[in-house]
């Protein structure tokens, strides 16, 4: 069955009978995992395989948000802790080359963790440039406050993931750094002048526009489209994301169930696709909502299908690495900057 233009979540650490039937009937493009789906390495690997078996596609992408710091779905005791993005920024500000080396190696180690589970996509890097007075939802996830630093570290993280056989997702396009509220809860409205946005927030994404996958921001940019957040704005997607930024990868929404968006799940889905999103991301594992998404997306086709296929083709086999030595080296790099979990020293 042809894949449909959405990425789904699941309710727990095993696929229920109802979910299995849903997966077979709806054939989502991919799966995203959260902490509720995670117990042990064997369990996660089995869940990933079961998902792919259920939809009949052995290469179906499986995604996760594994940034480090506050946003990490995998953690002790089975997986190492990783630092938030700001830790790499602190090293970079002391010595740029060292900061980039740490970011690249940290991402390479994350990719190794994910690859062992069959997870092929990480929702990373973040290219949001934080602004003074913004909501702390980005906060220490950011790599710095200058476009140059954010881009450099984001590029290093991209390289580390790709070397580990994991695809990156550029987020949150065209920029969440000025958001005045947490978009998980409410709709942020940014009143900044378009010229300022273009030279700062959008500029970071423009330098990373070659990445294969991207995720939208549920943010209103009032100077450009005062009525709709980027996710559901044809102006923001066509003029800014595809135009000014030049992003030509597969574009997914941020989680369609977040509090920033209004209307039913079906309405949000249709509005996002009409605006120009290629893939709908739905995360919470609510089967009724999952069915609403599936009923409104249709088969992945046309330019969206081409971009999605091109994204998956960018994934390569991992470059070999001595994990034990790499974890020890990473621990040394982070010394005095972030307290690396003791397990980081083992393979």
Protein backbone atom coordinates (compact mmCIF):
# COMPACT_ATOMS: atom_id res chain seq x y z
CA UNK A 1 0.00 0.00 0.00
CA UNK A 2 1.30 3.46 -0.90
CA UNK A 3 2.41 5.57 2.02
CA UNK A 4 0.24 8.44 3.17
CA UNK A 5 1.46 11.93 3.98
CA UNK A 6 1.72 11.74 7.74
CA UNK A 7 3.94 10.62 10.59
CA UNK A 8 2.16 8.99 13.49
CA UNK A 9 2.76 8.36 17.16
CA UNK A 10 1.70 5.34 19.21
CA UNK A 11 0.07 5.15 22.62
CA UNK A 12 2.52 2.91 24.46
CA UNK A 13 5.48 0.55 24.36
CA UNK A 14 3.69 -2.04 22.22
CA UNK A 15 1.39 -1.75 19.23
CA UNK A 16 -2.19 -2.43 20.27
CA UNK A 17 -4.55 -4.48 18.13
CA UNK A 18 -6.48 -1.33 17.19
CA UNK A 19 -3.27 0.49 16.28
CA UNK A 20 -2.07 -2.43 14.18
CA UNK A 21 -5.28 -2.36 12.19
CA UNK A 22 -4.97 1.41 11.81
CA UNK A 23 -1.37 1.16 10.60
CA UNK A 24 -2.22 -1.47 8.01
CA UNK A 25 -5.15 0.53 6.68
CA UNK A 26 -3.58 4.00 6.71
CA UNK A 27 0.10 3.23 5.90
CA UNK A 28 1.74 6.34 7.43
CA UNK A 29 5.01 7.57 5.95
CA UNK A 30 6.73 7.21 9.30
CA UNK A 31 6.57 6.80 13.07
CA UNK A 32 7.74 9.12 15.85
CA UNK A 33 8.68 7.82 19.30
CA UNK A 34 8.29 9.47 22.71
CA UNK A 35 9.19 8.51 26.27
CA UNK A 36 5.90 6.64 26.67
CA UNK A 37 7.09 4.31 23.90
CA UNK A 38 10.46 3.60 25.50
CA UNK A 39 11.46 1.05 28.14
CA UNK A 40 14.57 -0.94 27.18
CA UNK A 41 16.74 -1.26 24.07
CA UNK A 42 15.28 -4.65 23.16
CA UNK A 43 11.74 -3.34 23.60
CA UNK A 44 12.33 -0.25 21.44
CA UNK A 45 14.01 -2.27 18.70
CA UNK A 46 11.10 -4.71 18.73
CA UNK A 47 8.57 -1.86 18.56
CA UNK A 48 10.37 -0.30 15.59
CA UNK A 49 10.45 -3.63 13.76
CA UNK A 50 6.80 -4.33 14.59
CA UNK A 51 5.81 -0.95 13.13
CA UNK A 52 7.64 -1.62 9.89
CA UNK A 53 6.19 -5.13 9.68
CA UNK A 54 2.68 -3.75 10.26
CA UNK A 55 2.89 -1.34 7.32
CA UNK A 56 4.96 -3.65 5.13
CA UNK A 57 7.86 -1.28 4.50
CA UNK A 58 11.22 -2.29 5.94
CA UNK A 59 12.71 1.12 5.17
CA UNK A 60 9.93 3.24 6.69
CA UNK A 61 11.47 6.16 8.62
CA UNK A 62 11.29 6.13 12.41
CA UNK A 63 11.84 9.48 14.10
CA UNK A 64 12.65 10.67 17.59
CA UNK A 65 13.46 13.95 19.37
CA UNK A 66 16.86 13.21 20.84
CA UNK A 67 18.50 16.59 21.28
CA UNK A 68 20.09 16.19 24.68
CA UNK A 69 19.29 18.20 27.78
CA UNK A 70 15.57 18.80 28.36
CA UNK A 71 14.52 17.20 25.08
CA UNK A 72 15.62 13.58 25.15
CA UNK A 73 13.36 10.56 24.76
CA UNK A 74 16.17 8.12 25.56
CA UNK A 75 18.15 8.35 28.78
CA UNK A 76 19.67 6.50 31.74
CA UNK A 77 19.87 3.75 32.75
CA UNK A 78 19.85 2.31 29.22
CA UNK A 79 21.22 5.25 27.24
CA UNK A 80 23.64 8.08 28.04
CA UNK A 81 22.65 11.60 28.90
CA UNK A 82 23.70 14.22 26.35
CA UNK A 83 24.13 17.95 26.89
CA UNK A 84 21.73 20.65 25.75
CA UNK A 85 22.79 22.67 22.73
CA UNK A 86 24.00 25.60 24.80
CA UNK A 87 26.87 23.45 26.15
CA UNK A 88 28.37 23.25 22.67
CA UNK A 89 27.89 26.98 22.38
CA UNK A 90 29.90 27.60 25.54
CA UNK A 91 32.81 25.56 24.19
CA UNK A 92 32.54 27.30 20.81
CA UNK A 93 32.78 30.71 22.43
CA UNK A 94 36.00 29.64 24.10
CA UNK A 95 37.40 27.90 21.02
CA UNK A 96 35.32 27.51 17.86
CA UNK A 97 37.07 24.40 16.56
CA UNK A 98 36.65 22.61 19.88
CA UNK A 99 32.97 23.52 20.05
CA UNK A 100 32.33 22.19 16.58
CA UNK A 101 34.26 18.99 17.28
CA UNK A 102 32.23 18.38 20.45
CA UNK A 103 28.92 19.01 18.68
CA UNK A 104 29.83 16.71 15.82
CA UNK A 105 30.97 13.91 18.11
CA UNK A 106 27.98 14.25 20.41
CA UNK A 107 25.65 13.92 17.43
CA UNK A 108 27.64 10.97 16.11
CA UNK A 109 27.22 9.18 19.44
CA UNK A 110 23.49 9.91 19.48
CA UNK A 111 23.28 8.47 15.98
CA UNK A 112 24.98 5.31 17.20
CA UNK A 113 22.42 4.97 19.99
CA UNK A 114 19.57 5.44 17.54
CA UNK A 115 20.96 3.19 14.86
CA UNK A 116 21.18 0.28 17.28
CA UNK A 117 17.41 0.58 17.75
CA UNK A 118 16.50 0.97 14.08
CA UNK A 119 15.68 4.68 14.47
CA UNK A 120 16.70 6.50 11.30
CA UNK A 121 15.70 10.16 11.80
CA UNK A 122 16.51 12.59 14.63
CA UNK A 123 14.57 15.85 14.96
CA UNK A 124 17.77 17.86 15.16
CA UNK A 125 19.47 20.33 14.60
CA UNK A 126 17.80 23.44 15.97
CA UNK A 127 18.56 26.63 14.07
CA UNK A 128 16.43 28.90 16.22
CA UNK A 129 18.26 32.08 17.25
CA UNK A 130 16.94 33.03 20.69
CA UNK A 131 15.95 36.60 21.49
CA UNK A 132 16.04 38.43 24.83
CA UNK A 133 12.65 38.25 26.50
CA UNK A 134 11.44 35.23 24.53
CA UNK A 135 9.70 32.30 26.17
CA UNK A 136 12.24 29.80 27.56
CA UNK A 137 10.88 26.91 25.47
CA UNK A 138 13.99 27.22 23.27
CA UNK A 139 16.31 28.51 26.00
CA UNK A 140 19.30 26.22 26.53
CA UNK A 141 18.38 24.15 23.49
CA UNK A 142 19.86 26.91 21.34
CA UNK A 143 23.50 26.83 20.20
CA UNK A 144 24.10 30.53 20.64
CA UNK A 145 22.69 33.99 20.03
CA UNK A 146 24.47 34.81 16.76
CA UNK A 147 23.54 33.46 13.34
CA UNK A 148 27.15 32.51 12.64
CA UNK A 149 27.49 30.40 15.78
CA UNK A 150 24.07 28.75 15.46
CA UNK A 151 24.72 27.80 11.85
CA UNK A 152 28.21 26.46 12.51
CA UNK A 153 27.10 24.23 15.39
CA UNK A 154 23.95 23.11 13.58
CA UNK A 155 26.10 22.09 10.61
CA UNK A 156 28.46 20.14 12.85
CA UNK A 157 25.54 18.30 14.46
CA UNK A 158 24.14 17.53 11.02
CA UNK A 159 27.47 16.04 9.98
CA UNK A 160 27.65 13.89 13.10
CA UNK A 161 24.16 12.50 12.58
CA UNK A 162 24.73 11.80 8.89
CA UNK A 163 28.04 10.07 9.63
CA UNK A 164 26.09 7.80 11.97
CA UNK A 165 23.49 6.92 9.33
CA UNK A 166 20.74 9.10 10.82
CA UNK A 167 18.87 11.80 8.91
CA UNK A 168 18.59 15.28 10.47
CA UNK A 169 15.45 17.41 10.67
CA UNK A 170 16.01 21.18 10.56
CA UNK A 171 13.77 22.93 13.07
CA UNK A 172 11.82 25.09 13.65
CA UNK A 173 11.50 26.77 10.24
CA UNK A 174 11.50 29.78 9.83
CA UNK A 175 12.47 30.46 13.48
CA UNK A 176 11.07 29.93 16.96
CA UNK A 177 13.64 32.04 18.80
CA UNK A 178 11.42 35.10 19.28
CA UNK A 179 8.30 33.22 20.37
CA UNK A 180 6.66 34.95 23.35
CA UNK A 181 4.84 31.83 24.56
CA UNK A 182 5.35 28.07 24.43
CA UNK A 183 3.69 26.84 21.23
CA UNK A 184 2.90 23.54 22.93
CA UNK A 185 0.35 25.56 24.91
CA UNK A 186 -0.53 28.77 23.07
CA UNK A 187 0.02 30.49 19.72
CA UNK A 188 3.11 32.74 19.71
CA UNK A 189 2.89 36.00 17.77
CA UNK A 190 6.12 37.67 16.67
CA UNK A 191 5.79 41.36 15.79
CA UNK A 192 9.35 41.86 14.56
CA UNK A 193 9.90 43.73 11.30
CA UNK A 194 10.37 41.54 8.23
CA UNK A 195 13.80 42.97 7.39
CA UNK A 196 15.05 42.11 10.87
CA UNK A 197 13.64 38.58 10.64
CA UNK A 198 15.24 38.09 7.23
CA UNK A 199 18.68 39.20 8.43
CA UNK A 200 18.61 37.18 11.64
CA UNK A 201 16.06 34.44 12.29
CA UNK A 202 15.54 33.45 8.64
CA UNK A 203 19.23 33.83 7.85
CA UNK A 204 20.22 30.88 10.03
CA UNK A 205 17.82 28.60 8.18
CA UNK A 206 18.93 29.94 4.81
CA UNK A 207 22.46 28.72 5.50
CA UNK A 208 21.09 25.24 6.28
CA UNK A 209 18.51 25.04 3.49
CA UNK A 210 20.18 22.01 1.92
CA UNK A 211 19.13 19.69 4.76
CA UNK A 212 16.82 16.88 3.63
CA UNK A 213 14.00 17.33 6.17
CA UNK A 214 12.56 20.31 7.97
CA UNK A 215 9.92 21.05 10.61
CA UNK A 216 7.73 24.13 10.71
CA UNK A 217 7.21 26.55 13.58
CA UNK A 218 3.71 27.09 14.97
CA UNK A 219 4.41 30.82 15.15
CA UNK A 220 2.64 33.85 13.64
CA UNK A 221 4.99 36.38 12.01
CA UNK A 222 2.67 39.38 12.03
CA UNK A 223 4.70 41.48 9.59
CA UNK A 224 4.25 38.80 6.91
CA UNK A 225 1.03 36.91 7.68
CA UNK A 226 -0.78 38.31 10.73
CA UNK A 227 -3.55 35.70 10.59
CA UNK A 228 -1.89 32.29 10.35
CA UNK A 229 1.11 30.54 11.92
CA UNK A 230 3.81 29.38 9.52
CA UNK A 231 2.51 25.81 9.57
CA UNK A 232 -0.81 26.78 8.01
CA UNK A 233 0.32 29.87 6.07
CA UNK A 234 0.80 29.57 2.31
CA UNK A 235 2.54 32.96 2.44
CA UNK A 236 5.07 31.83 5.03
CA UNK A 237 5.74 28.50 3.34
CA UNK A 238 5.75 29.71 -0.25
CA UNK A 239 7.34 33.13 0.15
CA UNK A 240 9.60 32.62 3.14
CA UNK A 241 10.42 28.93 3.69
CA UNK A 242 10.59 27.91 0.02
CA UNK A 243 11.48 31.40 -1.23
CA UNK A 244 13.64 33.58 1.04
CA UNK A 245 15.14 30.64 2.92
CA UNK A 246 15.26 28.40 -0.14
CA UNK A 247 14.46 25.18 1.70
CA UNK A 248 13.66 22.46 -0.85
CA UNK A 249 13.60 19.43 1.44
CA UNK A 250 10.58 17.54 2.71
CA UNK A 251 8.68 19.83 5.06
CA UNK A 252 6.78 18.37 8.01
CA UNK A 253 4.60 20.21 10.47
CA UNK A 254 5.48 20.46 14.11
CA UNK A 255 3.07 18.32 16.12
CA UNK A 256 -0.38 19.07 14.73
CA UNK A 257 -2.01 18.51 18.14
CA UNK A 258 -0.12 21.31 19.90
CA UNK A 259 -2.01 24.09 21.65
CA UNK A 260 -0.79 26.77 19.24
CA UNK A 261 -3.10 25.58 16.48
CA UNK A 262 -6.87 25.95 16.40
CA UNK A 263 -9.68 23.93 14.86
CA UNK A 264 -10.19 20.19 14.79
CA UNK A 265 -7.35 17.84 13.97
CA UNK A 266 -8.94 17.30 10.56
CA UNK A 267 -9.08 21.06 9.94
CA UNK A 268 -5.47 21.52 11.05
CA UNK A 269 -4.38 18.72 8.77
CA UNK A 270 -6.13 20.12 5.71
CA UNK A 271 -4.91 23.66 6.41
CA UNK A 272 -1.28 22.55 6.77
CA UNK A 273 -1.33 20.58 3.52
CA UNK A 274 -3.08 23.41 1.68
CA UNK A 275 -0.41 25.83 2.90
CA UNK A 276 2.35 23.67 1.43
CA UNK A 277 3.49 21.22 4.12
CA UNK A 278 4.48 17.84 2.71
CA UNK A 279 3.94 15.71 5.81
CA UNK A 280 1.68 16.00 8.85
CA UNK A 281 3.28 15.15 12.19
CA UNK A 282 0.92 13.83 14.85
CA UNK A 283 2.53 12.70 18.07
CA UNK A 284 0.26 12.01 21.04
CA UNK A 285 -0.90 8.48 20.19
CA UNK A 286 -4.60 9.35 20.44
CA UNK A 287 -6.17 6.90 18.02
CA UNK A 288 -9.22 9.03 17.25
CA UNK A 289 -6.98 11.95 16.30
CA UNK A 290 -4.67 9.65 14.33
CA UNK A 291 -7.68 8.49 12.32
CA UNK A 292 -8.68 12.10 11.64
CA UNK A 293 -5.22 12.82 10.28
CA UNK A 294 -5.20 9.68 8.13
CA UNK A 295 -8.64 10.46 6.70
CA UNK A 296 -7.51 13.91 5.53
CA UNK A 297 -3.99 13.49 4.16
CA UNK A 298 -4.24 11.29 1.10
CA UNK A 299 -1.41 9.39 -0.56
CA UNK A 300 2.00 11.07 -0.58
CA UNK A 301 2.32 12.16 -4.22
CA UNK A 302 3.75 14.70 -6.62
CA UNK A 303 6.46 17.12 -5.50
CA UNK A 304 5.92 16.17 -1.86
CA UNK A 305 6.61 12.51 -2.66
CA UNK A 306 9.70 13.47 -4.63
CA UNK A 307 11.05 15.54 -1.76
CA UNK A 308 10.34 12.77 0.76
CA UNK A 309 12.03 10.17 -1.43
CA UNK A 310 15.02 12.45 -1.95
CA UNK A 311 15.29 12.94 1.81
CA UNK A 312 15.36 9.20 2.49
CA UNK A 313 17.93 8.66 -0.25
CA UNK A 314 20.30 11.07 1.55
CA UNK A 315 20.75 8.56 4.36
CA UNK A 316 24.01 6.59 4.09
CA UNK A 317 25.57 3.70 5.95
CA UNK A 318 27.28 4.73 9.21
CA UNK A 319 30.96 5.55 9.14
CA UNK A 320 32.73 3.05 11.46
CA UNK A 321 33.60 4.36 14.90
CA UNK A 322 35.31 3.07 18.04
CA UNK A 323 32.45 3.77 20.42
CA UNK A 324 34.37 3.28 23.63
CA UNK A 325 37.14 5.65 22.58
CA UNK A 326 34.61 8.13 21.17
CA UNK A 327 32.60 8.23 24.41
CA UNK A 328 35.74 8.77 26.44
CA UNK A 329 36.84 11.55 24.09
CA UNK A 330 33.42 13.20 24.31
CA UNK A 331 33.48 13.06 28.10
CA UNK A 332 36.85 14.79 28.05
CA UNK A 333 35.57 17.47 25.64
CA UNK A 334 32.68 18.27 27.94
CA UNK A 335 34.79 18.39 31.11
CA UNK A 336 33.97 21.52 33.06
CA UNK A 337 31.12 22.44 30.70
CA UNK A 338 28.52 19.77 31.33
CA UNK A 339 28.52 16.78 33.74
CA UNK A 340 28.54 13.81 31.36
CA UNK A 341 26.79 10.70 32.71
CA UNK A 342 29.25 8.06 33.87
CA UNK A 343 27.96 5.59 31.31
CA UNK A 344 29.34 7.81 28.57
CA UNK A 345 32.69 6.11 29.13
CA UNK A 346 31.48 2.68 28.03
CA UNK A 347 30.64 1.23 24.64
